[in-house]
Amino acid sequence: MNRTKHLFLLLSFILLSFSNGNAQEKVSYPKNEFRAVWIATVVNIDWPKSGSDPIEKQKADYLEILDTYKKLNYNAVIVQIRSVGDAFYPSKLAPWSKYLTGKEGQAPSPYFDPLEWMITEAHNRGFEFHAWLNPYRATMDLRTDILSPTHDYYKHPEWMIKYGGKYYYDPALPEVQTHLIAVVDEVVRNYDIDAIHFDDYFYPYKIPGENFNDTASFKKYGGGMNLPDWRRLNVNNFVKYCAFSIKKIKPWVQFGISPFGVWRNKSVDPRGSDTNSGQTNYDDLFADPVAWMENCWIDYLLPQLYWSIDHRTASYAKLIKWWSENSTNTAIYIGNGSYKINTDSDKKWNIPSEIPNQIDLTRTYKNIGGNAFFSAKSFVNRNKAVTDLLLQNQYRYPALPYVVPNSRRTDIEMPTVSTITTNNLISTVTMDYPLLSKIRYVMVYGAKDSSKLDINNPSQIVDKIAFKEQKDSISIKIQKSLLEKNNICAITFIDYYGNESEAVLLNKTTETKTIQSTLNDENRQ
């Protein structure tokens, strides 16, 4: 098959072992690892810094977060797009968030769709975008006069329960569950997200002396159950139907939940963890992550272990061991409390190596696939001693997120290059448009020694380029300097599920002959 004069010789069979037949070199850094950061919007914790800021400043601040974590080799952002019955996107089901525009129900001016923009900018930098929704919390205070007339507090006051200085949706009402699933569906249908994400707020945390007054709902729908079991059933049903709905619309969109870090204490259940937590998922929030895993309702679980490794009542070390030993049917990642660095009464957080050590400990558990950090502002121009350690050690090289659980495929279409042109500082690689696979990214790898090119070695990742929808062909732009410093380069496709194709080599040559075959299965993601 003839190509242009400057076409690189395309190969796809690579010997990744030494010439003497020994096994390939071991890579000391993971090629696949979940590295995420929460970007909290409620009360403007991380972004926007103020709802009254001009849009251009808000955009610049968001891009600063992305660029900071891109340099730190993170690969996922968990962005809060609904926190109190509101929306960071045009919605038929909720008003615009006051944390975005300064006034609930007021659209951005000049008008744009913040969620679509945020997703695009995240994908352009190689991040997965996990859309974080808080389903049950309706307000952050009792100031109903500042709510939009389109807020559910006004449209459906019968859905609301007043508790702890806030209003909550009643999780027991079928019409509430239907409405909240519709909220999720709207986001999944309309936006190119990688995941729907819920945090730890189900039934609210208990407050001494206060009662979450769902007596009327319990009387109507309790069906003879005891109150705690009935509440857990309400949450389980909501999680289950959310899962079914997401997968029906877009099966590649993950459903992840980040529960409080303690399921139950061993003092009340022999299956529980060796902790003395004041509140727990099962007994106080009426959330049962173990049931969600057992029933395969979620793709990943991300328990929030916001304690130091040797914490007296709830140690990171004991809890990560418990979650590792009690996980089934789902990916497990760990949430880390980077917000505590240099700010907590536990002085272990003053030691720069606490977070790096937590990552090292996480990696000792084969069934735990990475970490997420709360929250984004912790590493934006802050805590440089910690970020320096991460860049020099644990996060020295990029990594790819894992394939969506139970979605691994081996038949992802390979890139077929038609032309490569170089203009000034940019090389443009043009490929045939993939017809059989829905592609999210093009990966570029490079090595100085052509005999040691290994796409499983994260130190050889050159770039992760967002796939742009085009007709007939697609083009990617690579910095000429990145190609020139490597004697051999390869490209792969990554599909919407995270599967990676076999590699095609780009060799610097004037040959016009194309050779394509396959990589060994053992050398693929």
Protein backbone atom coordinates (compact mmCIF):
# COMPACT_ATOMS: atom_id res chain seq x y z
CA MET A 1 0.00 0.00 0.00
CA ASN A 2 1.67 3.25 -1.15
CA ARG A 3 1.58 6.45 0.92
CA THR A 4 3.17 9.88 0.59
CA LYS A 5 6.90 10.35 0.30
CA HIS A 6 7.26 11.37 3.95
CA LEU A 7 5.13 8.59 5.41
CA PHE A 8 6.65 6.87 8.41
CA LEU A 9 6.97 3.11 8.16
CA LEU A 10 4.07 1.72 10.13
CA LEU A 11 4.64 -1.43 12.14
CA SER A 12 2.51 -3.03 14.78
CA PHE A 13 4.54 -6.03 15.87
CA ILE A 14 7.11 -5.09 18.49
CA LEU A 15 9.44 -7.42 20.32
CA LEU A 16 9.34 -6.13 23.87
CA SER A 17 11.86 -8.56 25.31
CA PHE A 18 15.64 -8.62 25.21
CA SER A 19 17.30 -10.35 22.29
CA ASN A 20 18.48 -13.18 24.54
CA GLY A 21 14.84 -14.13 25.26
CA ASN A 22 14.75 -12.99 28.87
CA ALA A 23 11.61 -11.41 30.29
CA GLN A 24 11.15 -7.70 29.68
CA GLU A 25 12.40 -5.20 32.20
CA LYS A 26 10.13 -4.63 35.14
CA VAL A 27 8.53 -1.21 35.27
CA SER A 28 8.61 0.27 38.75
CA TYR A 29 5.68 2.62 38.12
CA PRO A 30 2.10 1.55 37.26
CA LYS A 31 0.86 2.00 33.71
CA ASN A 32 -2.73 1.92 34.98
CA GLU A 33 -3.78 3.75 38.13
CA PHE A 34 -6.74 5.92 39.10
CA ARG A 35 -5.46 9.39 40.10
CA ALA A 36 -8.33 11.75 40.72
CA VAL A 37 -9.09 15.02 42.45
CA TRP A 38 -12.43 16.32 43.70
CA ILE A 39 -13.34 19.82 42.53
CA ALA A 40 -15.96 21.01 45.02
CA THR A 41 -18.31 23.80 43.98
CA VAL A 42 -20.61 23.92 47.04
CA VAL A 43 -20.02 27.16 48.97
CA ASN A 44 -17.25 27.77 46.41
CA ILE A 45 -14.79 25.45 48.16
CA ASP A 46 -12.58 24.93 45.09
CA TRP A 47 -14.29 26.51 42.12
CA PRO A 48 -15.55 29.02 41.20
CA LYS A 49 -13.77 31.08 43.80
CA SER A 50 -16.85 33.32 43.81
CA GLY A 51 -20.17 33.20 42.01
CA SER A 52 -19.79 36.91 41.32
CA ASP A 53 -16.49 36.54 39.47
CA PRO A 54 -16.52 37.36 35.75
CA ILE A 55 -16.82 34.29 33.53
CA GLU A 56 -13.33 34.76 32.09
CA LYS A 57 -11.85 34.65 35.60
CA GLN A 58 -13.90 31.58 36.45
CA LYS A 59 -12.63 29.87 33.31
CA ALA A 60 -9.04 30.82 34.06
CA ASP A 61 -9.34 29.49 37.62
CA TYR A 62 -10.77 26.18 36.39
CA LEU A 63 -8.00 25.80 33.83
CA GLU A 64 -5.43 26.52 36.55
CA ILE A 65 -6.79 23.54 38.49
CA LEU A 66 -6.65 21.30 35.42
CA ASP A 67 -3.16 22.40 34.46
CA THR A 68 -1.88 21.96 38.03
CA TYR A 69 -3.10 18.38 38.21
CA LYS A 70 -2.04 17.63 34.65
CA LYS A 71 1.54 18.54 35.63
CA LEU A 72 1.17 16.26 38.67
CA ASN A 73 0.20 13.40 36.31
CA TYR A 74 -3.37 12.98 37.56
CA ASN A 75 -5.88 11.49 35.11
CA ALA A 76 -9.40 12.16 36.44
CA VAL A 77 -11.40 15.08 37.83
CA ILE A 78 -14.54 14.62 39.94
CA VAL A 79 -16.44 17.88 39.45
CA GLN A 80 -19.45 18.80 41.57
CA ILE A 81 -22.24 19.85 39.20
CA ARG A 82 -25.20 19.56 41.62
CA SER A 83 -24.89 20.24 45.34
CA VAL A 84 -28.19 21.64 46.69
CA GLY A 85 -30.96 20.93 44.21
CA ASP A 86 -29.22 23.19 41.70
CA ALA A 87 -27.25 22.79 38.48
CA PHE A 88 -24.01 23.91 36.83
CA TYR A 89 -25.64 23.32 33.44
CA PRO A 90 -28.88 24.32 31.70
CA SER A 91 -31.48 22.00 33.19
CA LYS A 92 -35.22 21.47 32.95
CA LEU A 93 -35.14 19.96 36.42
CA ALA A 94 -33.14 22.41 38.54
CA PRO A 95 -32.21 26.11 38.65
CA TRP A 96 -28.77 27.50 37.91
CA SER A 97 -26.50 27.33 40.96
CA LYS A 98 -25.82 30.49 42.94
CA TYR A 99 -22.29 29.20 43.41
CA LEU A 100 -21.80 29.73 39.68
CA THR A 101 -23.64 33.00 39.00
CA GLY A 102 -24.13 34.58 42.42
CA LYS A 103 -27.91 34.19 42.32
CA GLU A 104 -29.81 30.94 42.12
CA GLY A 105 -31.74 30.60 38.87
CA GLN A 106 -29.65 33.22 37.08
CA ALA A 107 -27.91 32.02 33.92
CA PRO A 108 -24.27 32.82 33.13
CA SER A 109 -23.73 36.10 31.30
CA PRO A 110 -22.52 36.08 28.63
CA TYR A 111 -24.35 32.81 28.23
CA PHE A 112 -22.51 29.52 27.79
CA ASP A 113 -22.87 25.93 28.97
CA PRO A 114 -20.30 25.56 31.78
CA LEU A 115 -20.59 21.78 31.98
CA GLU A 116 -20.00 21.22 28.28
CA TRP A 117 -17.01 23.57 28.43
CA MET A 118 -15.57 21.93 31.55
CA ILE A 119 -15.84 18.45 30.04
CA THR A 120 -14.16 19.53 26.80
CA GLU A 121 -11.26 21.22 28.62
CA ALA A 122 -10.80 18.17 30.87
CA HIS A 123 -10.77 15.75 27.93
CA ASN A 124 -8.36 18.00 26.03
CA ARG A 125 -5.90 17.44 28.87
CA GLY A 126 -6.45 13.70 29.05
CA PHE A 127 -8.67 13.66 32.15
CA GLU A 128 -11.70 11.50 32.72
CA PHE A 129 -14.63 13.69 33.75
CA HIS A 130 -16.72 12.32 36.62
CA ALA A 131 -19.92 14.33 37.11
CA TRP A 132 -20.43 14.60 40.87
CA LEU A 133 -24.00 15.03 42.11
CA ASN A 134 -25.32 15.29 45.64
CA PRO A 135 -28.81 13.82 45.24
CA TYR A 136 -30.54 14.31 48.60
CA ARG A 137 -29.35 17.67 49.94
CA ALA A 138 -31.74 20.45 48.86
CA THR A 139 -30.28 23.51 50.62
CA MET A 140 -27.27 24.52 52.69
CA ASP A 141 -29.30 26.66 55.10
CA LEU A 142 -32.89 27.72 55.87
CA ARG A 143 -32.85 30.92 53.79
CA THR A 144 -35.62 29.94 51.43
CA ASP A 145 -36.07 33.56 50.32
CA ILE A 146 -32.90 33.31 48.21
CA LEU A 147 -34.00 30.16 46.41
CA SER A 148 -35.19 30.31 42.83
CA PRO A 149 -38.96 29.93 42.28
CA THR A 150 -38.03 26.89 40.17
CA HIS A 151 -36.24 25.16 43.07
CA ASP A 152 -37.91 21.96 44.23
CA TYR A 153 -38.48 23.51 47.66
CA TYR A 154 -41.16 25.66 46.03
CA LYS A 155 -42.32 23.26 43.33
CA HIS A 156 -42.62 20.25 45.66
CA PRO A 157 -42.61 21.33 49.32
CA GLU A 158 -44.04 17.93 50.23
CA TRP A 159 -40.70 16.38 49.23
CA MET A 160 -38.72 18.34 51.82
CA ILE A 161 -37.60 17.44 55.34
CA LYS A 162 -36.10 20.14 57.57
CA TYR A 163 -33.08 18.90 59.51
CA GLY A 164 -29.88 20.34 60.93
CA GLY A 165 -30.42 23.82 59.52
CA LYS A 166 -30.95 22.50 55.97
CA TYR A 167 -33.64 20.98 53.80
CA TYR A 168 -33.35 17.46 52.38
CA TYR A 169 -35.28 15.47 49.84
CA ASP A 170 -37.19 12.63 51.50
CA PRO A 171 -35.40 9.52 50.16
CA ALA A 172 -38.47 7.34 50.79
CA LEU A 173 -40.86 9.02 48.38
CA PRO A 174 -41.23 7.21 45.02
CA GLU A 175 -41.75 10.56 43.28
CA VAL A 176 -38.46 11.85 44.75
CA GLN A 177 -36.60 8.79 43.52
CA THR A 178 -38.16 9.16 40.06
CA HIS A 179 -37.21 12.83 39.96
CA LEU A 180 -33.63 12.28 41.08
CA ILE A 181 -33.12 9.49 38.56
CA ALA A 182 -34.41 11.88 35.89
CA VAL A 183 -31.77 14.39 37.05
CA VAL A 184 -29.07 11.78 36.52
CA ASP A 185 -30.55 10.75 33.16
CA GLU A 186 -30.54 14.34 31.91
CA VAL A 187 -26.80 14.64 32.55
CA VAL A 188 -25.97 11.24 31.06
CA ARG A 189 -28.00 11.89 27.89
CA ASN A 190 -26.84 15.44 27.24
CA TYR A 191 -23.16 15.37 28.17
CA ASP A 192 -20.05 13.43 27.20
CA ILE A 193 -19.17 12.43 30.76
CA ASP A 194 -17.11 9.42 31.81
CA ALA A 195 -18.94 8.76 35.09
CA ILE A 196 -21.74 9.72 37.44
CA HIS A 197 -20.41 10.15 40.96
CA PHE A 198 -22.20 10.36 44.32
CA ASP A 199 -20.43 11.31 47.55
CA ASP A 200 -21.11 10.22 51.15
CA TYR A 201 -24.34 12.14 51.77
CA PHE A 202 -27.32 9.78 51.74
CA TYR A 203 -29.48 10.09 54.83
CA PRO A 204 -27.81 13.00 56.64
CA TYR A 205 -25.21 12.55 59.37
CA LYS A 206 -26.83 12.29 62.77
CA ILE A 207 -26.99 15.39 64.96
CA PRO A 208 -27.43 14.90 68.72
CA GLY A 209 -30.90 15.96 69.86
CA GLU A 210 -32.39 16.15 66.36
CA ASN A 211 -34.61 13.71 64.51
CA PHE A 212 -34.87 13.25 60.76
CA ASN A 213 -38.65 13.37 60.62
CA ASP A 214 -39.70 10.88 57.96
CA THR A 215 -42.44 9.46 60.20
CA ALA A 216 -45.22 10.05 57.67
CA SER A 217 -43.28 8.31 54.89
CA PHE A 218 -42.41 5.40 57.16
CA LYS A 219 -46.03 4.98 58.16
CA LYS A 220 -47.12 5.00 54.51
CA TYR A 221 -44.33 2.91 52.93
CA GLY A 222 -42.66 1.05 55.81
CA GLY A 223 -44.45 -2.22 55.12
CA GLY A 224 -43.75 -3.66 58.55
CA MET A 225 -39.96 -3.20 58.35
CA ASN A 226 -37.91 -1.64 61.12
CA LEU A 227 -36.87 1.95 60.49
CA PRO A 228 -33.11 1.39 59.85
CA ASP A 229 -33.67 -1.49 57.41
CA TRP A 230 -36.38 0.47 55.63
CA ARG A 231 -34.12 3.50 55.20
CA ARG A 232 -31.32 1.30 53.85
CA LEU A 233 -33.79 -0.24 51.40
CA ASN A 234 -34.74 3.23 50.15
CA VAL A 235 -31.10 4.06 49.46
CA ASN A 236 -30.42 0.65 47.90
CA ASN A 237 -33.38 1.01 45.54
CA PHE A 238 -32.21 4.45 44.46
CA VAL A 239 -28.67 3.22 43.81
CA LYS A 240 -29.95 0.19 41.92
CA TYR A 241 -32.29 2.12 39.63
CA CYS A 242 -29.67 4.81 38.96
CA ALA A 243 -27.27 2.08 37.88
CA PHE A 244 -29.78 0.47 35.54
CA SER A 245 -30.74 3.80 34.01
CA ILE A 246 -27.15 4.97 33.40
CA LYS A 247 -26.14 1.75 31.67
CA LYS A 248 -29.28 1.71 29.53
CA ILE A 249 -28.47 5.16 28.16
CA LYS A 250 -24.68 4.93 27.81
CA PRO A 251 -23.14 1.63 28.93
CA TRP A 252 -19.61 3.09 28.99
CA VAL A 253 -20.54 5.73 31.59
CA GLN A 254 -19.39 4.52 34.99
CA PHE A 255 -21.36 4.80 38.21
CA GLY A 256 -19.15 5.48 41.21
CA ILE A 257 -19.90 6.23 44.84
CA SER A 258 -17.57 7.65 47.49
CA PRO A 259 -18.96 6.57 50.87
CA PHE A 260 -17.80 7.52 54.34
CA GLY A 261 -14.71 5.48 55.16
CA VAL A 262 -16.19 3.20 57.84
CA TRP A 263 -18.87 0.64 56.94
CA ARG A 264 -19.45 -0.58 60.53
CA ASN A 265 -17.33 -0.82 63.66
CA LYS A 266 -16.31 -4.29 64.78
CA SER A 267 -17.85 -3.51 68.19
CA VAL A 268 -21.33 -3.77 66.66
CA ASP A 269 -20.65 -6.27 63.87
CA PRO A 270 -17.85 -8.88 63.72
CA ARG A 271 -17.61 -8.18 59.96
CA GLY A 272 -16.83 -4.52 60.66
CA SER A 273 -13.46 -2.77 60.82
CA ASP A 274 -11.23 -2.39 63.85
CA THR A 275 -12.27 1.22 64.33
CA ASN A 276 -14.14 3.38 66.82
CA SER A 277 -15.87 5.73 64.41
CA GLY A 278 -18.57 7.93 65.93
CA GLN A 279 -20.77 7.42 62.87
CA THR A 280 -20.82 4.77 60.16
CA ASN A 281 -22.34 4.21 56.74
CA TYR A 282 -24.58 1.34 57.72
CA ASP A 283 -25.89 2.51 61.09
CA ASP A 284 -26.07 6.28 60.69
CA LEU A 285 -26.22 7.19 56.99
CA PHE A 286 -28.27 4.08 56.14
CA ALA A 287 -25.95 3.44 53.22
CA ASP A 288 -24.69 -0.10 52.61
CA PRO A 289 -21.73 -0.11 50.19
CA VAL A 290 -21.22 -3.83 50.80
CA ALA A 291 -24.68 -4.51 49.35
CA TRP A 292 -23.98 -2.27 46.36
CA MET A 293 -20.86 -4.27 45.57
CA GLU A 294 -22.50 -7.65 46.14
CA ASN A 295 -25.34 -6.76 43.77
CA CYS A 296 -23.04 -5.27 41.07
CA TRP A 297 -24.86 -1.94 41.09
CA ILE A 298 -21.72 0.22 40.89
CA ASP A 299 -18.58 0.31 38.77
CA TYR A 300 -16.31 1.69 41.45
CA LEU A 301 -16.31 2.38 45.15
CA LEU A 302 -14.16 5.19 46.55
CA PRO A 303 -14.30 5.12 50.37
CA GLN A 304 -13.14 8.31 52.04
CA LEU A 305 -10.25 7.37 54.32
CA TYR A 306 -9.46 10.88 55.51
CA TRP A 307 -7.26 9.82 58.43
CA SER A 308 -3.54 9.42 58.90
CA ILE A 309 -1.94 6.00 58.54
CA ASP A 310 -1.73 5.38 62.29
CA HIS A 311 -4.76 7.35 63.47
CA ARG A 312 -5.90 6.18 66.91
CA THR A 313 -9.62 5.55 66.23
CA ALA A 314 -9.80 5.13 62.47
CA SER A 315 -6.40 4.45 60.93
CA TYR A 316 -5.81 4.58 57.20
CA ALA A 317 -3.78 1.37 57.47
CA LYS A 318 -6.52 -0.62 59.18
CA LEU A 319 -9.29 0.70 56.96
CA ILE A 320 -7.56 0.14 53.63
CA LYS A 321 -6.91 -3.44 54.70
CA TRP A 322 -10.59 -3.85 55.59
CA TRP A 323 -11.83 -2.47 52.28
CA SER A 324 -9.37 -4.62 50.37
CA GLU A 325 -10.58 -7.75 52.15
CA ASN A 326 -14.28 -6.90 51.84
CA SER A 327 -14.53 -5.75 48.23
CA THR A 328 -16.35 -7.73 45.56
CA ASN A 329 -17.47 -7.24 41.97
CA THR A 330 -16.26 -3.66 41.65
CA ALA A 331 -13.19 -1.48 41.26
CA ILE A 332 -11.91 -0.07 44.54
CA TYR A 333 -10.08 3.23 44.87
CA ILE A 334 -9.25 5.17 48.05
CA GLY A 335 -10.14 8.75 48.96
CA ASN A 336 -7.37 10.70 50.69
CA GLY A 337 -7.76 13.86 52.79
CA SER A 338 -5.25 16.21 51.23
CA TYR A 339 -7.25 19.12 52.73
CA LYS A 340 -5.82 18.16 56.12
CA ILE A 341 -2.19 18.83 55.16
CA ASN A 342 -0.75 21.33 57.66
CA THR A 343 -4.24 22.20 58.95
CA ASP A 344 -5.31 19.31 61.19
CA SER A 345 -5.06 18.61 64.92
CA ASP A 346 -3.47 15.28 63.98
CA LYS A 347 0.14 16.41 63.59
CA LYS A 348 0.92 13.51 61.24
CA TRP A 349 -0.54 15.77 58.53
CA ASN A 350 2.34 18.20 59.05
CA ILE A 351 4.75 15.58 57.68
CA PRO A 352 5.12 16.01 53.88
CA SER A 353 5.48 12.25 53.36
CA GLU A 354 2.07 11.35 54.86
CA ILE A 355 0.21 11.43 51.51
CA PRO A 356 3.07 9.79 49.55
CA ASN A 357 3.22 7.06 52.18
CA GLN A 358 -0.54 6.54 51.90
CA ILE A 359 -0.16 6.06 48.14
CA ASP A 360 2.67 3.58 48.68
CA LEU A 361 0.50 1.65 51.12
CA THR A 362 -2.41 1.68 48.67
CA ARG A 363 -0.21 0.13 46.00
CA THR A 364 0.56 -2.86 48.21
CA TYR A 365 -3.05 -4.04 47.76
CA LYS A 366 -3.44 -5.61 44.34
CA ASN A 367 -7.21 -5.17 44.23
CA ILE A 368 -7.09 -1.44 44.98
CA GLY A 369 -6.48 0.62 41.86
CA GLY A 370 -5.58 4.12 42.95
CA ASN A 371 -6.50 7.24 44.89
CA ALA A 372 -8.58 10.41 44.78
CA PHE A 373 -7.85 13.56 46.78
CA PHE A 374 -10.13 16.02 48.53
CA SER A 375 -9.92 18.68 47.47
CA ALA A 376 -8.49 20.52 44.48
CA LYS A 377 -7.26 23.65 46.22
CA SER A 378 -4.95 21.55 48.41
CA PHE A 379 -2.29 21.39 45.70
CA VAL A 380 -2.97 24.58 43.70
CA ASN A 381 -0.08 26.83 44.71
CA ARG A 382 -0.03 25.12 48.12
CA ASN A 383 1.83 22.35 49.93
CA LYS A 384 4.76 22.33 47.51
CA ALA A 385 6.76 20.02 49.77
CA VAL A 386 4.15 17.32 49.18
CA THR A 387 3.68 17.88 45.46
CA ASP A 388 7.45 17.82 44.93
CA LEU A 389 7.62 14.42 46.61
CA LEU A 390 4.78 13.11 44.44
CA LEU A 391 6.38 14.33 41.21
CA GLN A 392 9.77 12.94 42.15
CA ASN A 393 8.42 9.59 43.27
CA GLN A 394 4.88 8.18 43.22
CA TYR A 395 3.54 10.31 40.35
CA ARG A 396 6.74 10.76 38.41
CA TYR A 397 5.16 9.40 35.22
CA PRO A 398 1.67 9.55 33.77
CA ALA A 399 -0.77 6.66 34.15
CA LEU A 400 -3.99 5.64 32.45
CA PRO A 401 -7.21 4.98 34.35
CA TYR A 402 -8.46 1.41 34.33
CA VAL A 403 -10.93 -0.02 31.85
CA VAL A 404 -14.56 0.25 32.94
CA PRO A 405 -15.18 -2.89 35.04
CA ASN A 406 -16.48 -5.87 33.07
CA SER A 407 -15.88 -4.03 29.79
CA ARG A 408 -12.47 -5.27 28.69
CA ARG A 409 -12.17 -5.90 24.94
CA THR A 410 -9.29 -7.02 22.77
CA ASP A 411 -10.62 -6.02 19.35
CA ILE A 412 -10.24 -2.24 19.47
CA GLU A 413 -9.54 -0.86 16.02
CA MET A 414 -5.90 0.05 15.41
CA PRO A 415 -4.79 3.40 14.01
CA THR A 416 -4.19 3.42 10.24
CA VAL A 417 -1.95 6.34 9.34
CA SER A 418 -2.32 7.92 5.91
CA THR A 419 -0.01 10.96 6.06
CA ILE A 420 2.43 12.71 8.35
CA THR A 421 3.46 16.28 7.71
CA THR A 422 5.74 18.60 9.66
CA ASN A 423 5.30 22.36 9.78
CA ASN A 424 7.53 24.47 11.99
CA LEU A 425 7.26 22.95 15.49
CA ILE A 426 4.28 20.65 14.91
CA SER A 427 3.97 17.23 13.27
CA THR A 428 0.48 16.37 12.05
CA VAL A 429 -0.44 12.69 11.86
CA THR A 430 -3.52 11.96 9.77
CA MET A 431 -5.33 8.64 10.21
CA ASP A 432 -8.26 6.89 8.66
CA TYR A 433 -11.43 7.44 10.64
CA PRO A 434 -12.15 4.40 12.85
CA LEU A 435 -15.38 2.76 11.75
CA LEU A 436 -15.68 -0.08 14.25
CA SER A 437 -14.67 1.46 17.58
CA LYS A 438 -15.80 4.58 19.47
CA ILE A 439 -12.48 6.28 20.24
CA ARG A 440 -11.80 8.70 23.12
CA TYR A 441 -8.00 9.26 22.89
CA VAL A 442 -4.93 8.71 20.78
CA MET A 443 -1.90 7.67 22.85
CA VAL A 444 1.64 8.49 21.73
CA TYR A 445 4.64 6.55 23.08
CA GLY A 446 8.34 7.03 22.45
CA ALA A 447 11.73 5.52 23.28
CA LYS A 448 15.31 6.43 22.47
CA ASP A 449 16.28 2.78 22.06
CA SER A 450 14.12 1.16 19.41
CA SER A 451 14.65 -2.29 20.92
CA LYS A 452 13.11 -1.21 24.20
CA LEU A 453 9.89 0.49 23.13
CA ASP A 454 7.30 -0.75 25.61
CA ILE A 455 3.81 0.73 25.71
CA ASN A 456 3.35 -0.76 29.18
CA ASN A 457 6.11 1.48 30.52
CA PRO A 458 4.55 4.78 31.65
CA SER A 459 7.89 6.59 31.32
CA GLN A 460 7.46 6.19 27.56
CA ILE A 461 4.11 8.02 27.40
CA VAL A 462 4.67 11.05 25.18
CA ASP A 463 1.14 12.42 24.97
CA LYS A 464 -2.55 11.61 25.40
CA ILE A 465 -4.55 13.43 22.76
CA ALA A 466 -8.32 13.87 22.78
CA PHE A 467 -9.99 12.32 19.75
CA LYS A 468 -11.88 14.88 17.67
CA GLU A 469 -14.98 13.84 15.79
CA GLN A 470 -14.37 14.26 12.06
CA LYS A 471 -15.45 12.69 8.80
CA ASP A 472 -13.36 10.26 6.77
CA SER A 473 -10.10 10.98 8.62
CA ILE A 474 -8.71 12.37 11.86
CA SER A 475 -5.57 14.35 12.59
CA ILE A 476 -3.53 14.74 15.74
CA LYS A 477 -0.81 17.28 16.35
CA ILE A 478 2.37 16.30 18.18
CA GLN A 479 5.19 18.63 19.12
CA LYS A 480 8.03 17.97 16.70
CA SER A 481 10.53 18.10 19.57
CA LEU A 482 8.78 15.21 21.36
CA LEU A 483 9.13 13.02 18.30
CA GLU A 484 12.68 14.06 17.53
CA LYS A 485 14.04 13.20 20.99
CA ASN A 486 12.74 9.63 20.58
CA ASN A 487 14.25 7.31 18.00
CA ILE A 488 11.04 5.35 17.74
CA CYS A 489 7.40 6.22 18.44
CA ALA A 490 4.13 4.31 18.56
CA ILE A 491 0.46 5.27 18.68
CA THR A 492 -2.63 3.49 19.99
CA PHE A 493 -6.34 4.19 20.27
CA ILE A 494 -8.27 4.22 23.56
CA ASP A 495 -12.02 3.65 23.39
CA TYR A 496 -14.78 5.07 25.61
CA TYR A 497 -14.49 2.12 27.99
CA GLY A 498 -10.75 2.70 28.44
CA ASN A 499 -9.61 -0.26 26.32
CA GLU A 500 -6.36 0.32 24.43
CA SER A 501 -5.75 -0.94 20.92
CA GLU A 502 -2.68 -2.67 19.61
CA ALA A 503 0.16 -0.32 18.79
CA VAL A 504 1.32 1.00 15.45
CA LEU A 505 4.93 2.15 15.17
CA LEU A 506 6.03 5.42 13.63
CA ASN A 507 9.57 5.01 12.29
CA LYS A 508 11.52 7.88 10.79
CA THR A 509 11.99 6.71 7.26
CA THR A 510 11.11 7.61 3.68
CA GLU A 511 9.76 4.14 2.98
CA THR A 512 6.24 4.09 1.55
CA LYS A 513 5.44 0.53 2.48
CA THR A 514 2.96 -0.17 5.28
CA ILE A 515 3.23 -3.24 7.47
CA GLN A 516 0.54 -4.04 10.01
CA SER A 517 0.20 -7.01 12.32
CA THR A 518 -0.48 -7.50 16.02
CA LEU A 519 1.11 -7.01 19.40
CA ASN A 520 1.32 -9.91 21.79
CA ASP A 521 -1.71 -10.00 24.12
CA GLU A 522 0.59 -9.92 27.13
CA ASN A 523 1.93 -6.55 26.06
CA ARG A 524 -1.43 -4.82 25.86
CA GLN A 525 -3.30 -2.90 28.49
